[in-house]
Amino acid sequence: MKPAFQTCLVGGAVRDRLLGLPVTDRDYVVVGATPDDLIDAGFKQVGADFPVFLHPQTGEEYALARTERKTGRGYHGFAVSFSPDVTLEQDLQRRDLTINAMAQDADGHIIDPFGGQADLAARRLRHVSPAFAEDPVRILRVARFAARFHRLGFTVADETADLMRQMVTAGEVDALVPERVWQEFERALREPDPQRFIGVLRDCGALARVLPELDRLFGVPQPAEPHPEIDTGVHVLMVLEQAARLSPDPQVRFAALMHDLGKGSTPPAEWPSHHGHEARSVGLLKTLCERLKVPVAYRELAIAVARDHGNAHRALELRPGTLLEVLERTDALRRPQRFAQFLLACEADHRGRTGFENRPYPQAQRLQRAFEAARGVDVAVLVQRGLTGEAMREALRAARTQAIKQAVAEPAA
């Protein structure tokens, strides 16, 4: 590469290094070059709208310094310039947060024109410039970074929170396409504190626009004895927090968060009771998943949890035949891994209540024992008896029910 080119490490790699966190991805910006200059130096171009170049030896990504100018509504309406005259500061200025708008040059010097280091020290998520308001995806990104760095003490700066609320009021969030909402949502579900993603979106009003089924849960009361936290919205955030404690699996976390959507459609005259909310939850969940193009695996697990979490909580009282019905509805025998996910989400629901955070969930052990017993029935014995069709199905159910009866009657090993 020509000596005139300036190459700097940028973005998350600089931020995480300063925070003392592991650096996994490294992105570089090149100032003073054209696409032909990089191609001549052996780089391979990938992407069309935003040309990115792969280093010939390391395979790491290098992008030309660029500026962006708003030309329309939403996050597609931008005119982008890759002129060699674009400075490093201009490139950094188009970024979302100050902590992501730092660079490190080849000598290791930090280039920080917008106060990113000070915001790292203050544990503050602050926008770089008023241009933040031009891209509604940045609201989702701020919420996601809040979920990532919550346990490090990071909060959203007041001025950034105000700007996000203004963007929602102006209708910018309404221009988001569902696929992009899901992309950021799914990423947030993998963060250490995914409940903060929901909390930040609700604080600025964006939750009502992108996940209205979830937003409607806030302010809806539940019976105080089983739910000391009362508010259904508070409850589902507590459930998500517990799911994050129990499992890194984003599918489990999604199912846990979405299990009570039906309570948001309970007529107020029936509060705090929510009879039949499971069936309503399934209907609302299907609508949400269709709108956001949620992957099948997420959708199927969430529906199973929404439909049967109440039966899971009653597992200590259920008869063997009813336990088998729960196993059948959750497709446990054919999909044991998903059944394990189901149990984790139900345990998160159990613990996601004030004062219940560290309580045991013996229901999971009882359901697991029922599952192991049903799975242990030897189908070959029934086949040898010449059973087929309905007779086979009835005999198999009877054998499995008997096996479950024996298993749950015995003390756990």
Protein backbone atom coordinates (compact mmCIF):
# COMPACT_ATOMS: atom_id res chain seq x y z
CA MET A 1 0.00 0.00 0.00
CA LYS A 2 1.29 3.46 -0.89
CA PRO A 3 2.85 5.38 2.01
CA ALA A 4 0.38 8.24 1.41
CA PHE A 5 -2.47 6.04 2.55
CA GLN A 6 -3.43 6.29 6.18
CA THR A 7 -4.76 3.05 7.65
CA CYS A 8 -6.38 3.01 11.08
CA LEU A 9 -8.08 0.46 13.28
CA VAL A 10 -11.58 1.75 14.01
CA GLY A 11 -14.81 1.13 15.86
CA GLY A 12 -15.46 -1.76 18.21
CA ALA A 13 -11.89 -3.06 18.23
CA VAL A 14 -10.61 0.26 19.62
CA ARG A 15 -13.49 0.52 22.10
CA ASP A 16 -13.10 -3.02 23.44
CA ARG A 17 -9.33 -2.75 23.72
CA LEU A 18 -9.72 0.39 25.84
CA LEU A 19 -12.31 -1.40 27.99
CA GLY A 20 -9.94 -4.31 28.49
CA LEU A 21 -12.29 -6.68 26.68
CA PRO A 22 -11.27 -9.37 24.17
CA VAL A 23 -11.00 -8.05 20.61
CA THR A 24 -12.47 -10.54 18.16
CA ASP A 25 -13.17 -8.49 15.02
CA ARG A 26 -10.91 -5.82 13.59
CA ASP A 27 -12.13 -3.27 11.08
CA TYR A 28 -9.88 -0.77 9.35
CA VAL A 29 -10.53 2.49 7.53
CA VAL A 30 -8.30 3.74 4.72
CA VAL A 31 -7.95 7.48 4.16
CA GLY A 32 -6.76 9.01 0.88
CA ALA A 33 -7.28 6.01 -1.39
CA THR A 34 -9.57 4.97 -4.23
CA PRO A 35 -11.00 1.50 -4.90
CA ASP A 36 -8.49 1.06 -7.73
CA ASP A 37 -5.63 1.90 -5.36
CA LEU A 38 -6.63 -0.93 -3.03
CA ILE A 39 -7.25 -3.40 -5.83
CA ASP A 40 -3.83 -2.58 -7.30
CA ALA A 41 -2.34 -3.30 -3.84
CA GLY A 42 -3.83 -6.81 -3.90
CA PHE A 43 -7.01 -6.25 -1.90
CA LYS A 44 -10.17 -8.09 -2.91
CA GLN A 45 -13.33 -5.99 -3.13
CA VAL A 46 -16.56 -7.31 -1.60
CA GLY A 47 -19.89 -5.52 -1.42
CA ALA A 48 -21.33 -3.01 -3.85
CA ASP A 49 -23.20 -0.25 -1.99
CA PHE A 50 -20.44 0.09 0.61
CA PRO A 51 -17.23 -1.27 -0.91
CA VAL A 52 -15.21 -3.27 1.58
CA PHE A 53 -11.83 -4.75 0.79
CA LEU A 54 -10.22 -7.88 2.19
CA HIS A 55 -6.51 -7.71 3.04
CA PRO A 56 -4.51 -10.08 0.81
CA GLN A 57 -2.68 -11.67 3.75
CA THR A 58 -4.92 -11.38 6.83
CA GLY A 59 -8.38 -11.37 5.23
CA GLU A 60 -9.36 -8.52 7.57
CA GLU A 61 -11.82 -5.90 6.34
CA TYR A 62 -10.69 -2.49 5.14
CA ALA A 63 -13.16 0.22 4.11
CA LEU A 64 -12.54 3.52 2.41
CA ALA A 65 -13.25 6.58 4.52
CA ARG A 66 -16.69 7.86 3.60
CA THR A 67 -19.33 10.45 4.35
CA GLU A 68 -23.09 10.02 4.26
CA ARG A 69 -25.77 12.56 3.41
CA LYS A 70 -29.46 12.06 4.20
CA THR A 71 -31.64 12.00 1.06
CA GLY A 72 -34.83 10.28 2.22
CA ARG A 73 -36.73 8.72 5.07
CA GLY A 74 -35.57 5.62 6.92
CA TYR A 75 -32.15 4.03 6.81
CA HIS A 76 -31.90 3.47 3.05
CA GLY A 77 -32.14 7.16 2.14
CA PHE A 78 -28.45 8.10 2.08
CA ALA A 79 -26.00 9.39 -0.50
CA VAL A 80 -22.51 8.05 0.21
CA SER A 81 -19.19 9.55 -0.87
CA PHE A 82 -15.91 7.59 -0.98
CA SER A 83 -13.77 10.44 -2.22
CA PRO A 84 -10.04 10.26 -1.36
CA ASP A 85 -10.53 13.73 0.11
CA VAL A 86 -12.71 12.40 2.95
CA THR A 87 -10.80 12.82 6.22
CA LEU A 88 -10.61 10.35 9.08
CA GLU A 89 -12.54 12.75 11.32
CA GLN A 90 -15.33 13.01 8.73
CA ASP A 91 -15.55 9.23 8.59
CA LEU A 92 -15.70 8.93 12.37
CA GLN A 93 -18.33 11.68 12.57
CA ARG A 94 -20.89 9.60 10.65
CA ARG A 95 -20.78 6.84 13.30
CA ASP A 96 -23.47 6.31 15.91
CA LEU A 97 -21.88 6.56 19.37
CA THR A 98 -18.76 8.32 20.55
CA ILE A 99 -17.40 5.08 21.99
CA ASN A 100 -17.57 3.64 18.46
CA ALA A 101 -16.08 6.73 16.82
CA MET A 102 -12.44 6.30 17.81
CA ALA A 103 -9.49 5.14 15.73
CA GLN A 104 -5.99 3.87 16.39
CA ASP A 105 -3.21 4.65 13.94
CA ALA A 106 -0.31 2.43 12.93
CA ASP A 107 1.80 3.80 15.81
CA GLY A 108 -0.84 2.94 18.40
CA HIS A 109 -2.04 6.50 18.99
CA ILE A 110 -5.74 6.91 19.76
CA ILE A 111 -7.59 9.39 17.55
CA ASP A 112 -10.66 10.55 19.46
CA PRO A 113 -12.22 13.74 18.08
CA PHE A 114 -15.62 13.29 19.76
CA GLY A 115 -14.81 12.36 23.35
CA GLY A 116 -15.18 8.61 23.18
CA GLN A 117 -12.57 7.95 25.85
CA ALA A 118 -14.28 10.32 28.27
CA ASP A 119 -17.59 8.58 27.63
CA LEU A 120 -15.98 5.20 28.22
CA ALA A 121 -14.72 6.47 31.57
CA ALA A 122 -18.16 7.89 32.41
CA ARG A 123 -19.87 4.68 31.23
CA ARG A 124 -22.03 6.74 28.90
CA LEU A 125 -23.66 5.87 25.55
CA ARG A 126 -23.75 9.21 23.72
CA HIS A 127 -24.42 10.03 20.07
CA VAL A 128 -21.66 11.59 17.98
CA SER A 129 -23.64 14.30 16.19
CA PRO A 130 -27.18 15.36 15.25
CA ALA A 131 -26.77 13.12 12.19
CA PHE A 132 -27.65 10.26 14.54
CA ALA A 133 -31.30 11.18 13.96
CA GLU A 134 -31.03 10.36 10.26
CA ASP A 135 -30.90 6.58 10.78
CA PRO A 136 -33.58 4.87 12.93
CA VAL A 137 -31.53 1.68 13.15
CA ARG A 138 -29.31 3.59 15.55
CA ILE A 139 -32.07 3.51 18.15
CA LEU A 140 -31.96 -0.28 18.03
CA ARG A 141 -28.17 -0.26 18.17
CA VAL A 142 -28.09 1.99 21.24
CA ALA A 143 -30.52 -0.37 22.94
CA ARG A 144 -28.35 -3.33 21.97
CA PHE A 145 -25.19 -1.69 23.34
CA ALA A 146 -27.10 -0.95 26.53
CA ALA A 147 -27.80 -4.69 26.78
CA ARG A 148 -24.15 -5.51 26.12
CA PHE A 149 -22.58 -3.07 28.55
CA HIS A 150 -25.22 -2.79 31.27
CA ARG A 151 -23.23 -4.82 33.79
CA LEU A 152 -20.25 -2.53 33.20
CA GLY A 153 -22.40 0.37 34.36
CA PHE A 154 -23.20 1.99 31.00
CA THR A 155 -26.32 4.11 30.65
CA VAL A 156 -27.79 6.13 27.77
CA ALA A 157 -26.83 9.81 27.92
CA ASP A 158 -29.77 12.12 28.62
CA GLU A 159 -29.27 14.06 25.39
CA THR A 160 -29.20 10.82 23.38
CA ALA A 161 -32.33 9.52 25.08
CA ASP A 162 -34.05 12.82 24.27
CA LEU A 163 -33.00 12.62 20.63
CA MET A 164 -34.26 9.04 20.38
CA ARG A 165 -37.66 10.13 21.71
CA GLN A 166 -37.76 12.93 19.15
CA MET A 167 -37.00 10.42 16.37
CA VAL A 168 -39.88 8.21 17.49
CA THR A 169 -42.24 11.18 17.60
CA ALA A 170 -41.13 12.22 14.11
CA GLY A 171 -42.04 8.76 12.77
CA GLU A 172 -38.50 7.74 11.79
CA VAL A 173 -38.87 4.38 13.55
CA ASP A 174 -41.91 3.58 11.41
CA ALA A 175 -39.61 3.41 8.38
CA LEU A 176 -37.73 0.39 9.77
CA VAL A 177 -38.24 -2.79 7.79
CA PRO A 178 -39.21 -5.83 9.93
CA GLU A 179 -36.17 -7.85 8.89
CA ARG A 180 -33.81 -5.20 10.28
CA VAL A 181 -35.78 -5.00 13.51
CA TRP A 182 -35.43 -8.77 13.93
CA GLN A 183 -31.72 -8.66 13.09
CA GLU A 184 -30.99 -6.22 15.91
CA PHE A 185 -33.47 -7.92 18.26
CA GLU A 186 -31.86 -11.31 17.74
CA ARG A 187 -28.41 -9.85 18.33
CA ALA A 188 -29.65 -8.21 21.53
CA LEU A 189 -30.99 -11.56 22.77
CA ARG A 190 -27.40 -12.82 22.75
CA GLU A 191 -26.11 -9.99 24.94
CA PRO A 192 -25.47 -10.40 28.69
CA ASP A 193 -28.50 -8.31 29.74
CA PRO A 194 -31.07 -8.52 26.93
CA GLN A 195 -33.80 -7.06 29.14
CA ARG A 196 -32.07 -3.69 28.82
CA PHE A 197 -32.69 -3.75 25.07
CA ILE A 198 -36.42 -3.85 25.75
CA GLY A 199 -36.16 -1.28 28.54
CA VAL A 200 -34.31 1.28 26.42
CA LEU A 201 -36.75 0.87 23.53
CA ARG A 202 -39.66 1.37 25.90
CA ASP A 203 -38.10 4.44 27.51
CA CYS A 204 -37.92 6.24 24.16
CA GLY A 205 -41.30 5.01 22.88
CA ALA A 206 -39.87 2.78 20.15
CA LEU A 207 -41.12 -0.46 21.73
CA ALA A 208 -44.73 0.48 20.97
CA ARG A 209 -43.80 0.88 17.30
CA VAL A 210 -41.65 -2.20 16.72
CA LEU A 211 -43.03 -4.68 19.31
CA PRO A 212 -46.52 -3.38 20.22
CA GLU A 213 -47.64 -6.80 21.51
CA LEU A 214 -44.91 -6.60 24.14
CA ASP A 215 -45.38 -2.93 24.93
CA ARG A 216 -49.06 -3.52 25.78
CA LEU A 217 -48.08 -5.72 28.73
CA PHE A 218 -46.80 -2.78 30.78
CA GLY A 219 -49.38 -1.51 33.24
CA VAL A 220 -51.44 -4.72 33.05
CA PRO A 221 -51.85 -6.14 36.60
CA GLN A 222 -51.59 -9.76 37.69
CA PRO A 223 -52.71 -11.41 40.96
CA ALA A 224 -50.39 -10.26 43.73
CA GLU A 225 -49.92 -13.63 45.46
CA PRO A 226 -48.23 -15.49 42.59
CA HIS A 227 -46.90 -12.24 41.10
CA PRO A 228 -45.66 -9.82 43.78
CA GLU A 229 -44.26 -7.61 41.01
CA ILE A 230 -47.89 -7.12 39.81
CA ASP A 231 -47.12 -5.49 36.44
CA THR A 232 -47.03 -7.99 33.55
CA GLY A 233 -44.47 -5.95 31.62
CA VAL A 234 -42.15 -5.91 34.64
CA HIS A 235 -42.69 -9.65 34.97
CA VAL A 236 -41.67 -10.52 31.40
CA LEU A 237 -38.50 -8.43 31.74
CA MET A 238 -37.69 -10.30 34.96
CA VAL A 239 -38.33 -13.57 33.11
CA LEU A 240 -35.96 -12.53 30.32
CA GLU A 241 -33.33 -11.64 32.90
CA GLN A 242 -33.69 -15.07 34.49
CA ALA A 243 -33.54 -16.77 31.09
CA ALA A 244 -30.25 -14.97 30.46
CA ARG A 245 -28.97 -16.31 33.80
CA LEU A 246 -30.03 -19.86 32.92
CA SER A 247 -28.94 -20.09 29.29
CA PRO A 248 -27.00 -18.26 26.57
CA ASP A 249 -29.47 -19.65 24.01
CA PRO A 250 -31.29 -16.76 22.25
CA GLN A 251 -34.19 -19.08 21.38
CA VAL A 252 -34.80 -19.80 25.07
CA ARG A 253 -34.59 -16.09 25.84
CA PHE A 254 -37.03 -15.17 23.07
CA ALA A 255 -39.55 -17.79 24.20
CA ALA A 256 -39.26 -16.64 27.81
CA LEU A 257 -39.87 -13.00 26.87
CA MET A 258 -42.88 -13.77 24.67
CA HIS A 259 -44.72 -16.32 26.80
CA ASP A 260 -47.40 -13.99 28.26
CA LEU A 261 -48.38 -11.80 25.30
CA GLY A 262 -52.04 -12.73 25.73
CA LYS A 263 -52.28 -10.89 29.04
CA GLY A 264 -52.04 -7.66 27.09
CA SER A 265 -55.39 -8.43 25.43
CA THR A 266 -57.30 -9.37 28.61
CA PRO A 267 -60.34 -7.08 29.00
CA PRO A 268 -59.64 -4.68 31.90
CA ALA A 269 -62.90 -5.75 33.56
CA GLU A 270 -61.30 -9.18 34.12
CA TRP A 271 -58.06 -7.90 35.68
CA PRO A 272 -56.04 -9.13 37.48
CA SER A 273 -57.24 -12.54 36.24
CA HIS A 274 -56.11 -13.65 32.80
CA HIS A 275 -58.18 -16.70 31.99
CA GLY A 276 -57.35 -18.16 28.58
CA HIS A 277 -54.31 -15.97 28.06
CA GLU A 278 -52.27 -18.92 26.80
CA ALA A 279 -54.36 -19.32 23.65
CA ARG A 280 -54.37 -15.58 23.06
CA SER A 281 -50.60 -15.53 23.54
CA VAL A 282 -50.16 -18.11 20.79
CA GLY A 283 -52.26 -16.07 18.36
CA LEU A 284 -50.39 -12.84 19.06
CA LEU A 285 -47.07 -14.63 18.90
CA LYS A 286 -47.84 -16.02 15.45
CA THR A 287 -48.72 -12.54 14.21
CA LEU A 288 -45.53 -11.05 15.65
CA CYS A 289 -43.35 -13.79 14.19
CA GLU A 290 -44.91 -13.46 10.77
CA ARG A 291 -44.43 -9.69 10.77
CA LEU A 292 -40.76 -9.81 11.82
CA LYS A 293 -39.93 -12.91 9.73
CA VAL A 294 -38.80 -14.73 12.87
CA PRO A 295 -37.02 -18.04 12.09
CA VAL A 296 -39.05 -21.23 12.49
CA ALA A 297 -36.99 -22.60 15.39
CA TYR A 298 -37.61 -19.46 17.46
CA ARG A 299 -41.30 -19.44 16.59
CA GLU A 300 -42.00 -23.09 17.36
CA LEU A 301 -40.27 -23.03 20.74
CA ALA A 302 -41.99 -19.77 21.74
CA ILE A 303 -45.40 -21.16 20.79
CA ALA A 304 -44.79 -24.31 22.84
CA VAL A 305 -43.83 -22.23 25.88
CA ALA A 306 -46.73 -19.81 25.48
CA ARG A 307 -49.21 -22.68 25.19
CA ASP A 308 -47.93 -25.01 27.90
CA HIS A 309 -45.97 -23.03 30.48
CA GLY A 310 -48.96 -23.20 32.83
CA ASN A 311 -49.06 -27.00 32.57
CA ALA A 312 -45.32 -27.12 33.21
CA HIS A 313 -45.80 -25.10 36.40
CA ARG A 314 -48.50 -27.60 37.51
CA ALA A 315 -46.33 -30.63 36.75
CA LEU A 316 -46.16 -31.72 40.40
CA GLU A 317 -49.95 -32.06 40.41
CA LEU A 318 -50.50 -33.60 36.97
CA ARG A 319 -51.45 -37.24 36.53
CA PRO A 320 -49.22 -39.51 34.42
CA GLY A 321 -51.57 -39.36 31.43
CA THR A 322 -51.59 -35.56 31.50
CA LEU A 323 -47.81 -35.46 31.80
CA LEU A 324 -47.67 -37.56 28.64
CA GLU A 325 -50.00 -35.11 26.91
CA VAL A 326 -47.59 -32.27 27.74
CA LEU A 327 -44.73 -34.32 26.29
CA GLU A 328 -46.76 -34.96 23.14
CA ARG A 329 -47.80 -31.34 22.65
CA THR A 330 -44.21 -30.14 23.05
CA ASP A 331 -43.00 -32.92 20.70
CA ALA A 332 -40.52 -33.91 23.39
CA LEU A 333 -39.93 -37.47 22.24
CA ARG A 334 -39.01 -36.47 18.71
CA ARG A 335 -37.24 -33.24 19.66
CA PRO A 336 -35.55 -33.74 23.03
CA GLN A 337 -33.25 -30.75 22.59
CA ARG A 338 -36.20 -28.42 22.11
CA PHE A 339 -37.88 -29.97 25.15
CA ALA A 340 -34.78 -29.06 27.17
CA GLN A 341 -35.15 -25.50 25.87
CA PHE A 342 -38.84 -25.56 26.85
CA LEU A 343 -37.98 -26.51 30.42
CA LEU A 344 -35.41 -23.71 30.70
CA ALA A 345 -37.88 -21.10 29.48
CA CYS A 346 -40.51 -22.36 31.94
CA GLU A 347 -38.00 -22.25 34.78
CA ALA A 348 -37.18 -18.66 33.83
CA ASP A 349 -40.91 -17.84 34.02
CA HIS A 350 -41.10 -19.43 37.46
CA ARG A 351 -38.11 -17.44 38.72
CA GLY A 352 -39.03 -14.19 37.01
CA ARG A 353 -41.07 -12.93 39.95
CA THR A 354 -40.20 -10.77 42.92
CA GLY A 355 -38.82 -13.02 45.65
CA PHE A 356 -38.68 -16.13 43.44
CA GLU A 357 -35.40 -15.40 41.67
CA ASN A 358 -33.40 -18.15 43.37
CA ARG A 359 -36.12 -20.65 44.16
CA PRO A 360 -35.82 -24.23 42.87
CA TYR A 361 -38.06 -25.49 40.09
CA PRO A 362 -38.77 -29.17 40.87
CA GLN A 363 -41.39 -29.22 38.11
CA ALA A 364 -38.58 -29.45 35.57
CA GLN A 365 -37.18 -32.55 37.25
CA ARG A 366 -40.60 -34.22 37.29
CA LEU A 367 -41.15 -33.48 33.61
CA GLN A 368 -37.67 -34.70 32.79
CA ARG A 369 -38.29 -37.97 34.62
CA ALA A 370 -41.57 -38.37 32.75
CA PHE A 371 -39.76 -37.76 29.49
CA GLU A 372 -37.02 -40.30 30.24
CA ALA A 373 -39.63 -42.89 31.22
CA ALA A 374 -41.72 -42.38 28.09
CA ARG A 375 -38.65 -42.45 25.88
CA GLY A 376 -37.54 -45.70 27.49
CA VAL A 377 -40.59 -47.67 26.35
CA ASP A 378 -39.48 -50.35 23.88
CA VAL A 379 -41.63 -49.97 20.77
CA ALA A 380 -40.16 -53.16 19.31
CA VAL A 381 -42.03 -55.21 21.92
CA LEU A 382 -45.34 -53.82 20.68
CA VAL A 383 -44.37 -54.43 17.07
CA GLN A 384 -43.64 -58.07 17.90
CA ARG A 385 -47.20 -58.36 19.17
CA GLY A 386 -48.39 -57.52 15.68
CA LEU A 387 -49.99 -54.23 16.64
CA THR A 388 -50.55 -51.61 13.95
CA GLY A 389 -52.46 -48.40 13.37
CA GLU A 390 -54.74 -47.17 16.12
CA ALA A 391 -54.18 -50.28 18.22
CA MET A 392 -50.44 -49.58 18.19
CA ARG A 393 -50.95 -45.94 19.14
CA GLU A 394 -53.23 -46.83 22.05
CA ALA A 395 -50.90 -49.55 23.32
CA LEU A 396 -47.90 -47.23 23.07
CA ARG A 397 -49.69 -44.47 24.98
CA ALA A 398 -50.75 -46.95 27.65
CA ALA A 399 -47.21 -48.27 28.00
CA ARG A 400 -45.75 -44.80 28.21
CA THR A 401 -48.36 -43.68 30.74
CA GLN A 402 -47.57 -46.69 32.91
CA ALA A 403 -43.83 -46.01 32.64
CA ILE A 404 -44.37 -42.39 33.64
CA LYS A 405 -46.59 -43.44 36.55
CA GLN A 406 -43.86 -45.66 37.90
CA ALA A 407 -41.10 -43.10 37.32
CA VAL A 408 -42.79 -40.16 39.01
CA ALA A 409 -43.91 -42.31 41.94
CA GLU A 410 -40.31 -43.23 42.68
CA PRO A 411 -38.07 -40.79 44.55
CA ALA A 412 -35.59 -38.98 42.27
CA ALA A 413 -32.16 -40.60 42.15
